[in-house]
Protein backbone atom coordinates (compact mmCIF):
# COMPACT_ATOMS: atom_id res chain seq x y z
CA MET A 1 108.93 138.88 62.61
CA LYS A 2 111.94 139.78 64.23
CA ASN A 3 112.78 140.39 68.29
CA LEU A 4 112.01 143.55 69.49
CA ASN A 5 112.41 144.07 73.30
CA ILE A 6 110.89 146.61 75.03
CA HIS A 7 112.50 147.71 78.74
CA ILE A 8 110.19 149.91 80.51
CA LYS A 9 111.94 152.05 83.25
CA ALA A 10 109.24 154.26 83.80
CA LEU A 11 105.66 154.54 82.04
CA GLY A 12 102.96 155.86 84.12
CA PRO A 13 102.54 153.57 87.20
CA ILE A 14 104.71 150.66 85.78
CA LYS A 15 108.31 150.41 86.51
CA ASN A 16 110.73 147.96 85.63
CA ALA A 17 109.00 145.62 83.27
CA ASP A 18 109.95 144.24 80.13
CA ILE A 19 107.78 143.16 77.03
CA GLU A 20 108.63 141.92 73.19
CA VAL A 21 106.71 143.25 70.15
CA ALA A 22 104.77 140.08 68.38
CA GLN A 23 102.54 140.24 65.53
CA VAL A 24 99.52 140.35 68.05
CA MET A 25 99.61 141.32 71.79
CA ILE A 26 97.18 140.59 74.34
CA PHE A 27 96.92 142.83 77.54
CA THR A 28 94.95 141.28 80.49
CA GLY A 29 94.89 142.08 83.92
CA ALA A 30 93.06 144.17 86.46
CA SER A 31 92.29 148.42 85.93
CA ASN A 32 94.85 151.00 86.82
CA LEU A 33 97.88 149.00 86.13
CA GLY A 34 98.89 150.86 82.91
CA LYS A 35 97.83 147.84 80.33
CA SER A 36 96.41 150.56 78.01
CA TYR A 37 99.78 152.59 78.56
CA THR A 38 101.37 149.25 77.20
CA ASN A 39 99.46 149.22 74.58
CA PHE A 40 99.73 152.19 73.27
CA LEU A 41 103.42 151.86 73.19
CA THR A 42 103.09 148.59 70.90
CA TYR A 43 101.13 151.07 68.66
CA TYR A 44 103.85 153.01 68.94
CA VAL A 45 106.15 151.54 67.02
CA PHE A 46 104.02 150.09 64.37
CA ASN A 47 102.95 153.81 63.35
CA LEU A 48 106.54 154.77 63.86
CA PHE A 49 107.53 152.66 60.59
CA SER A 50 104.14 153.13 58.91
CA SER A 51 104.19 156.45 58.77
CA ASP A 52 106.75 159.71 58.12
CA ARG A 53 107.06 160.97 62.45
CA LEU A 54 110.91 159.98 61.82
CA LYS A 55 111.05 163.35 59.62
CA ASP A 56 112.47 164.71 62.93
CA PHE A 57 114.58 162.37 63.27
CA ILE A 58 116.16 163.01 59.72
CA ARG A 59 115.85 166.66 59.49
CA PRO A 60 119.00 167.81 61.03
CA ARG A 61 120.62 164.67 59.35
CA ILE A 62 119.56 166.27 55.88
CA THR A 63 122.90 167.69 54.41
CA GLY A 64 122.04 169.43 51.00
CA ASN A 65 119.07 171.76 50.39
CA GLN A 66 116.34 169.81 49.36
CA GLU A 67 114.29 172.87 48.95
CA GLU A 68 116.05 173.00 45.26
CA TRP A 69 115.80 169.74 45.14
CA LYS A 70 119.87 169.41 45.46
CA PHE A 71 121.95 166.58 46.63
CA PHE A 72 121.41 165.14 49.80
CA ASP A 73 123.15 162.31 51.49
CA PHE A 74 123.14 161.44 55.51
CA SER A 75 123.70 158.49 57.60
CA PHE A 76 122.59 156.96 61.18
CA THR A 77 123.56 154.02 62.86
CA GLY A 78 120.73 151.81 65.08
CA ARG A 79 121.75 153.35 68.57
CA ASP A 80 121.00 156.67 66.89
CA LEU A 81 117.76 155.18 66.34
CA CYS A 82 117.24 153.68 69.48
CA GLN A 83 118.61 156.74 71.29
CA TRP A 84 116.06 159.50 69.44
CA MET A 85 113.12 156.90 69.84
CA LYS A 86 113.81 156.78 73.74
CA GLU A 87 113.17 160.81 73.58
CA ASP A 88 110.08 160.50 70.91
CA VAL A 89 108.18 158.38 73.02
CA LYS A 90 108.02 160.48 75.69
CA ARG A 91 106.83 163.43 73.35
CA PHE A 92 104.28 160.74 71.67
CA PHE A 93 102.98 159.99 75.13
CA VAL A 94 102.57 163.65 76.28
CA TYR A 95 100.63 164.18 72.94
CA LEU A 96 98.74 160.94 73.32
CA LEU A 97 97.36 161.43 76.83
CA ASN A 98 97.81 165.34 77.16
CA TYR A 99 99.82 164.36 80.38
CA PRO A 100 102.82 166.63 80.01
CA ASP A 101 104.08 165.37 83.42
CA ILE A 102 103.63 161.77 82.40
CA PRO A 103 106.45 159.30 83.46
CA CYS A 104 108.32 157.69 80.48
CA ASP A 105 111.46 156.05 80.19
CA ILE A 106 111.57 153.78 77.62
CA GLU A 107 114.58 151.55 75.82
CA PHE A 108 114.37 149.96 73.10
CA GLU A 109 116.56 146.86 71.82
CA PHE A 110 116.94 145.97 68.44
CA GLY A 111 120.24 143.83 69.49
CA LYS A 112 123.70 144.59 69.94
CA LYS A 113 123.99 143.85 65.78
CA ILE A 114 121.72 146.04 64.84
CA GLU A 115 122.65 149.31 67.22
CA GLU A 116 126.00 149.20 65.18
CA GLN A 117 124.33 148.66 61.81
CA VAL A 118 124.78 152.26 59.83
CA PHE A 119 122.09 153.11 57.44
CA ASN A 120 122.75 155.17 54.58
CA VAL A 121 120.18 157.19 52.32
CA ASN A 122 121.11 159.37 49.66
CA TYR A 123 119.13 161.09 47.04
CA THR A 124 120.54 160.38 43.91
CA GLU A 125 117.81 162.10 40.78
CA ASP A 126 114.35 163.00 40.16
CA LEU A 127 112.36 162.69 37.19
CA PRO A 128 109.87 165.77 36.70
CA ILE A 129 105.95 165.43 35.15
CA LYS A 130 103.48 167.46 34.78
CA SER A 131 100.60 167.00 36.58
CA SER A 132 97.35 169.47 36.33
CA SER A 133 97.41 171.00 39.64
CA GLU A 134 100.98 170.62 40.58
CA GLU A 135 103.96 169.65 39.54
CA TYR A 136 105.15 166.27 40.76
CA HIS A 137 108.64 164.57 40.62
CA PHE A 138 109.75 161.21 40.88
CA MET A 139 112.46 161.14 43.30
CA VAL A 140 114.82 158.37 42.85
CA MET A 141 116.68 157.57 46.37
CA GLN A 142 118.63 154.85 47.65
CA ILE A 143 118.81 153.27 51.41
CA ASN A 144 121.71 151.03 51.34
CA ARG A 145 122.03 151.13 48.26
CA THR A 146 118.16 149.68 47.76
CA ARG A 147 116.62 152.18 45.04
CA HIS A 148 113.44 153.49 45.90
CA VAL A 149 111.16 155.66 43.24
CA VAL A 150 108.64 157.88 44.85
CA PRO A 151 106.51 160.99 44.00
CA THR A 152 106.69 163.49 45.52
CA THR A 153 106.58 167.39 45.61
CA LEU A 154 108.71 170.27 46.38
CA LYS A 155 106.82 170.62 49.70
CA THR A 156 107.01 167.09 50.51
CA VAL A 157 110.49 165.46 50.00
CA LEU A 158 110.70 165.10 54.18
CA GLN A 159 107.58 163.46 54.80
CA VAL A 160 108.44 161.10 51.60
CA THR A 161 111.94 160.45 52.87
CA ALA A 162 110.73 160.08 56.25
CA LEU A 163 108.32 157.95 55.22
CA GLN A 164 110.23 155.53 52.88
CA VAL A 165 113.23 155.22 55.74
CA ALA A 166 110.31 154.05 58.01
CA ARG A 167 108.94 151.19 56.02
CA TYR A 168 112.57 150.40 55.08
CA LEU A 169 113.30 150.25 58.78
CA GLY A 170 110.36 148.12 59.46
CA LYS A 171 111.01 145.27 56.65
CA TYR A 172 114.87 145.47 57.88
CA LEU A 173 114.43 145.39 61.73
CA LEU A 174 111.12 143.89 62.06
CA ASP A 175 110.12 141.99 58.93
CA ILE A 176 107.05 143.72 58.48
CA ASN A 177 105.21 145.76 55.99
CA ILE A 178 102.66 147.82 57.38
CA HIS A 179 100.30 150.21 55.27
CA HIS A 180 98.97 151.78 58.56
CA ALA A 181 98.54 151.41 62.12
CA TYR A 182 95.12 152.32 63.04
CA LEU A 183 93.96 153.44 67.19
CA LEU A 184 90.78 152.74 68.71
CA PRO A 185 90.74 154.25 72.13
CA PRO A 186 88.86 153.45 74.84
CA GLY A 187 85.12 155.71 74.50
CA ARG A 188 85.52 155.63 70.77
CA ALA A 189 81.99 155.76 70.21
CA SER A 190 80.92 159.44 72.27
CA LEU A 191 83.21 160.69 69.49
CA LEU A 192 80.89 159.42 66.50
CA ASN A 193 78.46 161.50 64.81
CA GLU A 194 75.55 160.62 62.33
CA SER A 195 77.44 162.24 59.32
CA PHE A 196 79.43 161.14 56.87
CA THR A 197 83.14 162.37 58.90
CA THR A 198 84.13 162.33 62.31
CA GLN A 199 84.25 165.38 64.83
CA THR A 200 85.88 168.39 63.18
CA GLN A 201 86.81 170.18 65.83
CA SER A 202 89.89 168.72 67.13
CA SER A 203 90.34 166.81 70.71
CA LYS A 204 92.90 168.43 73.11
CA THR A 205 93.76 164.68 74.11
CA GLY A 206 95.98 163.62 71.07
CA MET A 207 94.46 159.21 70.98
CA TYR A 208 91.11 160.95 70.30
CA ASP A 209 92.44 163.15 67.66
CA ILE A 210 94.55 159.98 66.04
CA PHE A 211 91.30 158.28 66.15
CA MET A 212 88.85 160.91 64.54
CA ARG A 213 91.68 160.85 61.44
CA ASP A 214 91.57 157.08 61.25
CA PHE A 215 87.86 157.18 61.56
CA ASP A 216 87.71 159.47 58.55
CA ARG A 217 90.29 157.72 56.45
CA ILE A 218 88.59 154.56 57.33
CA ASN A 219 85.31 155.92 55.69
CA ASN A 220 87.22 157.28 52.37
CA LEU A 221 88.70 153.93 51.89
CA LYS A 222 85.17 152.40 52.10
CA MET A 223 83.68 154.83 49.64
CA ASN A 224 86.65 155.31 47.63
CA ASN A 225 87.49 151.53 46.97
CA ILE A 226 83.40 149.94 47.45
CA GLN A 227 83.55 148.63 44.13
CA GLU A 228 86.75 146.99 44.31
CA SER A 229 86.44 145.80 48.01
CA ASN A 230 87.74 142.41 49.06
CA LEU A 231 84.40 142.36 51.28
CA HIS A 232 82.78 141.94 48.13
CA ASP A 233 84.88 138.68 47.29
CA ASN A 234 84.51 137.73 50.92
CA THR A 235 81.51 136.65 51.10
CA GLN A 236 82.42 134.76 54.73
CA LEU A 237 83.54 137.68 56.09
CA ALA A 238 80.34 139.79 55.05
CA ASP A 239 78.09 136.99 56.46
CA SER A 240 80.04 136.96 59.90
CA ILE A 241 79.67 140.97 59.97
CA THR A 242 75.87 140.38 59.12
CA LYS A 243 75.64 137.85 61.64
CA LEU A 244 77.20 139.96 64.50
CA ILE A 245 74.97 142.85 64.07
CA GLU A 246 72.24 141.59 62.29
CA GLY A 247 72.60 143.75 59.66
CA ASP A 248 74.73 145.93 57.30
CA LEU A 249 76.77 148.99 57.84
CA SER A 250 76.49 151.16 55.33
CA TYR A 251 75.72 155.07 54.27
CA ASN A 252 72.77 157.45 52.85
CA LYS A 253 73.38 160.93 52.65
CA GLU A 254 73.11 161.93 56.30
CA GLY A 255 76.10 159.41 57.38
CA ILE A 256 76.51 156.15 58.70
CA VAL A 257 73.37 153.79 59.14
CA LEU A 258 72.85 149.96 60.20
CA LYS A 259 70.45 148.57 57.46
CA MET A 260 68.34 145.95 58.85
CA GLY A 261 66.40 144.11 55.55
CA ASP A 262 65.47 145.93 52.89
CA LYS A 263 64.42 148.86 53.63
CA THR A 264 65.14 149.53 57.76
CA GLU A 265 67.95 152.22 58.31
CA VAL A 266 68.59 153.18 61.78
CA PRO A 267 71.80 155.95 61.82
CA LEU A 268 74.89 155.06 63.70
CA GLY A 269 74.23 157.03 66.32
CA ALA A 270 70.70 155.57 67.64
CA ALA A 271 72.16 152.14 66.99
CA ALA A 272 73.00 149.98 70.23
CA SER A 273 76.30 150.90 72.11
CA SER A 274 77.91 147.39 70.94
CA ILE A 275 77.76 148.40 67.38
CA LYS A 276 78.82 151.71 67.66
CA GLU A 277 81.76 150.60 69.30
CA LEU A 278 82.25 148.07 66.75
CA SER A 279 82.12 150.29 63.44
CA PRO A 280 84.97 151.48 63.31
CA LEU A 281 86.33 148.09 63.42
CA LEU A 282 83.90 146.35 61.07
CA LEU A 283 84.12 149.22 58.43
CA TRP A 284 88.04 148.97 58.53
CA MET A 285 87.68 145.23 58.08
CA GLN A 286 84.80 145.87 55.20
CA THR A 287 87.50 147.86 53.52
CA GLY A 288 89.37 145.03 52.31
CA LYS A 289 92.87 146.28 53.30
CA TYR A 290 93.61 144.57 56.63
CA GLN A 291 96.58 142.57 55.32
CA MET A 292 98.99 145.42 55.48
CA ASP A 293 97.43 147.10 58.61
CA SER A 294 98.44 147.14 62.25
CA MET A 295 95.55 147.82 64.40
CA CYS A 296 95.33 148.90 68.47
CA ILE A 297 91.84 148.20 70.04
CA GLU A 298 90.94 149.08 73.49
CA GLU A 299 88.47 146.20 74.81
CA PRO A 300 86.82 144.97 71.72
CA GLU A 301 84.18 143.13 73.95
CA ALA A 302 82.69 146.71 75.09
CA HIS A 303 79.04 146.67 75.72
CA ALA A 304 78.95 143.52 74.00
CA HIS A 305 76.77 140.27 75.23
CA PRO A 306 78.62 136.97 75.21
CA ASP A 307 77.96 135.74 72.41
CA MET A 308 78.55 138.08 70.67
CA GLN A 309 82.05 138.38 72.19
CA TYR A 310 82.80 134.59 70.73
CA GLN A 311 81.83 136.01 67.27
CA ILE A 312 84.38 139.17 67.69
CA ALA A 313 87.37 136.89 68.85
CA ASP A 314 86.61 134.98 65.50
CA LEU A 315 86.55 138.49 63.19
CA LEU A 316 89.70 139.29 65.03
CA THR A 317 91.50 136.19 64.54
CA PHE A 318 90.17 135.78 60.72
CA CYS A 319 92.26 139.72 60.16
CA ILE A 320 95.28 137.68 62.03
CA ASN A 321 95.29 135.04 59.67
CA GLN A 322 95.61 137.62 57.03
CA GLY A 323 98.34 139.21 58.51
CA THR A 324 96.89 142.39 60.61
CA LEU A 325 99.55 143.19 63.43
CA MET A 326 96.91 143.12 66.40
CA GLN A 327 96.89 144.76 69.78
CA ILE A 328 94.35 144.48 72.12
CA THR A 329 93.57 145.42 75.95
CA THR A 330 90.83 143.06 77.28
CA HIS A 331 88.28 142.20 80.47
CA SER A 332 86.68 139.75 78.91
CA ASP A 333 86.76 136.17 80.11
CA TYR A 334 84.29 134.86 77.49
CA LEU A 335 86.80 136.75 74.21
CA LEU A 336 89.78 134.90 76.03
CA ALA A 337 87.98 132.11 76.35
CA ARG A 338 86.79 131.63 72.50
CA LEU A 339 90.62 132.63 71.27
CA ASN A 340 91.89 129.79 73.29
CA GLN A 341 89.85 127.61 71.78
CA LEU A 342 91.24 128.62 68.25
CA ILE A 343 94.46 128.52 69.50
CA ARG A 344 94.11 124.59 70.48
CA LEU A 345 92.08 123.59 67.47
CA HIS A 346 95.50 125.44 66.10
CA ASN A 347 97.88 123.27 67.97
CA LEU A 348 95.67 119.69 67.02
CA LYS A 349 95.68 120.69 63.46
CA VAL A 350 99.33 121.04 63.59
CA ASN A 351 99.68 118.10 65.82
CA ASN A 352 96.90 115.41 64.61
CA GLU A 353 95.50 116.66 61.45
CA THR A 354 93.11 113.37 60.97
CA LEU A 355 91.09 114.24 64.30
CA PHE A 356 91.29 118.11 63.71
CA ASN A 357 89.75 117.10 60.25
CA GLN A 358 87.32 114.67 62.03
CA LEU A 359 86.19 117.18 64.70
CA CYS A 360 85.59 120.24 62.24
CA GLU A 361 83.32 117.88 60.20
CA LYS A 362 81.24 116.72 63.11
CA HIS A 363 80.78 120.37 64.31
CA ASN A 364 81.06 122.10 61.11
CA LEU A 365 83.77 123.96 62.31
CA ASP A 366 85.67 126.72 59.64
CA LYS A 367 89.60 124.58 58.99
CA ASN A 368 91.02 128.03 58.34
CA LEU A 369 89.85 129.32 61.80
CA THR A 370 92.43 128.60 64.28
CA LEU A 371 94.92 130.57 65.35
CA ASP A 372 98.77 130.64 65.86
CA LYS A 373 100.10 130.79 69.23
CA LYS A 374 103.48 130.96 67.61
CA GLY A 375 103.03 134.97 66.76
CA ILE A 376 101.13 135.65 70.08
CA GLY A 377 102.68 137.75 72.75
CA ALA A 378 100.38 137.54 75.93
CA TYR A 379 100.78 139.19 79.40
CA TYR A 380 98.83 139.69 82.68
CA PHE A 381 99.03 142.72 84.90
CA HIS A 382 99.03 142.55 89.06
CA ARG A 383 100.79 143.92 91.70
CA ASP A 384 103.65 141.90 93.97
CA LYS A 385 101.81 140.73 97.02
CA LYS A 386 104.98 141.88 98.62
CA THR A 387 106.11 145.26 97.16
CA LYS A 388 102.84 146.57 95.78
CA GLU A 389 104.88 147.23 92.42
CA ILE A 390 103.00 146.24 89.13
CA VAL A 391 104.21 143.22 87.45
CA ILE A 392 103.48 142.40 83.60
CA GLU A 393 104.29 138.79 83.82
CA LYS A 394 104.32 137.10 80.11
CA GLN A 395 102.03 134.33 80.09
CA ASN A 396 102.66 130.65 78.78
CA LEU A 397 100.20 129.70 75.75
CA GLU A 398 101.38 125.96 75.55
CA ASP A 399 97.26 125.50 75.97
CA GLY A 400 95.69 128.95 75.09
CA ILE A 401 95.84 131.91 77.25
CA PRO A 402 95.98 131.59 81.50
CA PHE A 403 92.63 133.11 82.80
CA THR A 404 95.41 133.90 85.13
CA THR A 405 93.63 137.67 85.25
CA PHE A 406 90.49 136.06 86.10
CA SER A 407 90.87 133.38 88.97
CA ASN A 408 91.00 135.84 92.08
CA ALA A 409 87.61 137.14 91.19
CA VAL A 410 86.14 133.79 89.86
CA GLN A 411 87.73 132.44 93.75
CA GLU A 412 86.21 135.47 95.29
CA GLN A 413 82.73 134.75 93.88
CA ILE A 414 83.24 130.57 95.02
CA ASN A 415 84.03 131.81 98.20
CA TRP A 416 80.73 134.30 98.87
CA ASP A 417 78.57 131.98 97.30
CA GLU A 418 79.49 129.33 99.88
CA VAL A 419 79.11 131.70 102.55
CA PHE A 420 75.25 132.56 101.71
CA ASN A 421 74.61 128.74 100.52
CA ASN A 422 75.76 128.43 104.39
CA ILE A 423 73.29 130.94 105.49
CA GLU A 424 70.35 129.94 103.74
């Protein structure tokens, strides 16, 4: 993945901080320091380059009358794009959080060479085809002389053009090719009901609107592709999910259920809190479409026992190794501990394959379940002791993700244990 540096002049409580976008983003630290805001910021990037959000950037640049399928030809520079993103990310956060006055001043830095790069987009021709319901066209367009042929209708030209440009830019700027960017916000379990779809009444908070649409998308993919799902070809993933929740997520006429054994079916609303929180993630995995997706998830360990958290870390790692882009906030030392083990296991695999094989055979470890630190960006949020300003500190992953985020709490617990031991 190519570099994208993000300079946060202001975002909620955060001021003057920097992050570098990576395939896997992990944010740890105490509460109320802006971890979720930063997680959502990285989601914004991956969502931008996998959706038609760029239509508002493109619309004023269209010179032809696309309503009548006439010629259009426009161009923009990388600098134009960065400036628009700076303005658009504010609109995104206002919608996402229902927070009109949120402090939001963000700069996206792809590099000077990219800022000067010119991107030319032009329509060349259309090839009409007949459909039983609506007249479709194959629109032929070029982006910097790269030819794209896409189906569209008269009403969707702008959206289709925006999506093609977005995916082209994602590949050109970041070397990523994302099919869809998902968002699993905090408190997601409370929005799930027992019917096939999620609640139809829109929330005033954008993150939950996005989640409900994403969850419907996951369910539709699962149902439509159930016969061809990669899950059937990957018994290891299926077995891991079954072991994690001691059953299987399935559907009946009432909605999503947890199947335990041959006959017992528990409605999702009556399942354990940990299973409800995990259900969107697990159903997404069962679609078999995770290789080209981005997944932003808040606290995947929520309500889960430590043993379950270890298994969650394994499932996340499996998806990462298949190509998923992952953005995570966590308060769990158990989750980080397991990720650290997988990072250290990968280091051993690279540095001493013989010893790695011996270790895997001795302890019956999956040789494919390791985690490469090169694709991870881990950040620790804390307050500067003197200025009290929030610091976002990039972590050195040579030996895994540092447990800095928990050291103070652990030390305080040790100190209190000593106090009580002395009293007794």
